[in-house]
Amino acid sequence: MRVQCVICDTIEELVDDTLEAKRLRNRPIHTHLCKACHDRITERTKERLATGSFRFYRSSRRIEDDF
């Protein structure tokens, strides 16, 4: 399955049997981020959390475990 990153528009190939591919097929509202963009967002979020002035609202326990 070919997917496109919503931030940098790079096109990647996903294995059709993976959970992420199934989510993208069955729920089109889900978006795909490439590894580089995902790592960059994670790093910047951790930097903002470390400042103390950024409030991170977590919505549920299941999503926290995935994060």
C-alpha atoms as a PDB file:
ATOM      1  CA  MET A   1       0.000   0.000   0.000  1.00  0.00           C
ATOM      2  CA  ARG A   2       1.396   3.382  -0.984  1.00  0.00           C
ATOM      3  CA  VAL A   3       0.931   6.183   1.550  1.00  0.00           C
ATOM      4  CA  GLN A   4       1.905   9.835   1.598  1.00  0.00           C
ATOM      5  CA  CYS A   5       3.124  11.789   4.614  1.00  0.00           C
ATOM      6  CA  VAL A   6       0.755  14.668   5.398  1.00  0.00           C
ATOM      7  CA  ILE A   7       3.592  17.025   6.381  1.00  0.00           C
ATOM      8  CA  CYS A   8       6.460  16.498   3.933  1.00  0.00           C
ATOM      9  CA  ASP A   9       4.546  14.717   1.116  1.00  0.00           C
ATOM     10  CA  THR A  10       7.016  11.840   0.824  1.00  0.00           C
ATOM     11  CA  ILE A  11       5.547   8.636  -0.546  1.00  0.00           C
ATOM     12  CA  GLU A  12       6.271   5.385   1.294  1.00  0.00           C
ATOM     13  CA  GLU A  13       5.278   1.775   0.878  1.00  0.00           C
ATOM     14  CA  LEU A  14       3.467  -0.017   3.727  1.00  0.00           C
ATOM     15  CA  VAL A  15       3.001  -3.753   4.020  1.00  0.00           C
ATOM     16  CA  ASP A  16      -0.695  -4.516   3.491  1.00  0.00           C
ATOM     17  CA  ASP A  17      -0.901  -6.780   6.553  1.00  0.00           C
ATOM     18  CA  THR A  18       0.185  -4.199   9.137  1.00  0.00           C
ATOM     19  CA  LEU A  19      -2.146  -2.565  11.633  1.00  0.00           C
ATOM     20  CA  GLU A  20      -1.359   0.925  10.328  1.00  0.00           C
ATOM     21  CA  ALA A  21      -2.287  -0.071   6.768  1.00  0.00           C
ATOM     22  CA  LYS A  22      -5.566  -1.538   7.990  1.00  0.00           C
ATOM     23  CA  ARG A  23      -6.389   1.658   9.909  1.00  0.00           C
ATOM     24  CA  LEU A  24      -5.696   3.796   6.853  1.00  0.00           C
ATOM     25  CA  ARG A  25      -7.876   1.585   4.634  1.00  0.00           C
ATOM     26  CA  ASN A  26     -10.842   1.338   7.008  1.00  0.00           C
ATOM     27  CA  ARG A  27     -10.797   4.835   8.477  1.00  0.00           C
ATOM     28  CA  PRO A  28      -9.732   7.454   5.939  1.00  0.00           C
ATOM     29  CA  ILE A  29      -9.644  10.183   8.624  1.00  0.00           C
ATOM     30  CA  HIS A  30      -6.432   8.617   9.998  1.00  0.00           C
ATOM     31  CA  THR A  31      -3.311  10.208   8.574  1.00  0.00           C
ATOM     32  CA  HIS A  32       0.185   8.874   7.945  1.00  0.00           C
ATOM     33  CA  LEU A  33       3.415  10.468   9.142  1.00  0.00           C
ATOM     34  CA  CYS A  34       6.781   9.323   7.887  1.00  0.00           C
ATOM     35  CA  LYS A  35       9.367   8.252  10.474  1.00  0.00           C
ATOM     36  CA  ALA A  36      11.379  11.481  10.147  1.00  0.00           C
ATOM     37  CA  CYS A  37       8.357  13.742  10.728  1.00  0.00           C
ATOM     38  CA  HIS A  38       7.091  11.576  13.601  1.00  0.00           C
ATOM     39  CA  ASP A  39      10.493  11.682  15.330  1.00  0.00           C
ATOM     40  CA  ARG A  40      10.790  15.447  14.802  1.00  0.00           C
ATOM     41  CA  ILE A  41       7.339  16.116  16.306  1.00  0.00           C
ATOM     42  CA  THR A  42       8.076  13.804  19.252  1.00  0.00           C
ATOM     43  CA  GLU A  43      11.389  15.528  19.949  1.00  0.00           C
ATOM     44  CA  ARG A  44       9.913  19.035  19.773  1.00  0.00           C
ATOM     45  CA  THR A  45       6.974  18.057  22.001  1.00  0.00           C
ATOM     46  CA  LYS A  46       9.354  16.691  24.639  1.00  0.00           C
ATOM     47  CA  GLU A  47      11.352  19.935  24.461  1.00  0.00           C
ATOM     48  CA  ARG A  48       8.186  21.993  25.026  1.00  0.00           C
ATOM     49  CA  LEU A  49       7.157  19.757  27.940  1.00  0.00           C
ATOM     50  CA  ALA A  50      10.575  20.280  29.527  1.00  0.00           C
ATOM     51  CA  THR A  51      10.110  24.070  29.583  1.00  0.00           C
ATOM     52  CA  GLY A  52       7.235  23.786  32.069  1.00  0.00           C
ATOM     53  CA  SER A  53       5.084  26.414  30.362  1.00  0.00           C
ATOM     54  CA  PHE A  54       3.539  23.958  27.917  1.00  0.00           C
ATOM     55  CA  ARG A  55       0.476  22.036  29.088  1.00  0.00           C
ATOM     56  CA  PHE A  56      -0.053  18.656  27.473  1.00  0.00           C
ATOM     57  CA  TYR A  57      -3.648  17.433  27.700  1.00  0.00           C
ATOM     58  CA  ARG A  58      -3.939  13.672  27.384  1.00  0.00           C
ATOM     59  CA  SER A  59      -7.362  12.380  26.441  1.00  0.00           C
ATOM     60  CA  SER A  60      -7.434   8.751  27.579  1.00  0.00           C
ATOM     61  CA  ARG A  61      -5.337   6.008  29.105  1.00  0.00           C
ATOM     62  CA  ARG A  62      -5.271   3.922  25.887  1.00  0.00           C
ATOM     63  CA  ILE A  63      -3.931   6.822  23.830  1.00  0.00           C
ATOM     64  CA  GLU A  64      -1.314   7.564  26.515  1.00  0.00           C
ATOM     65  CA  ASP A  65      -0.032   3.994  26.234  1.00  0.00           C
ATOM     66  CA  ASP A  66       0.313   4.382  22.452  1.00  0.00           C
ATOM     67  CA  PHE A  67       2.115   7.700  22.876  1.00  0.00           C
END
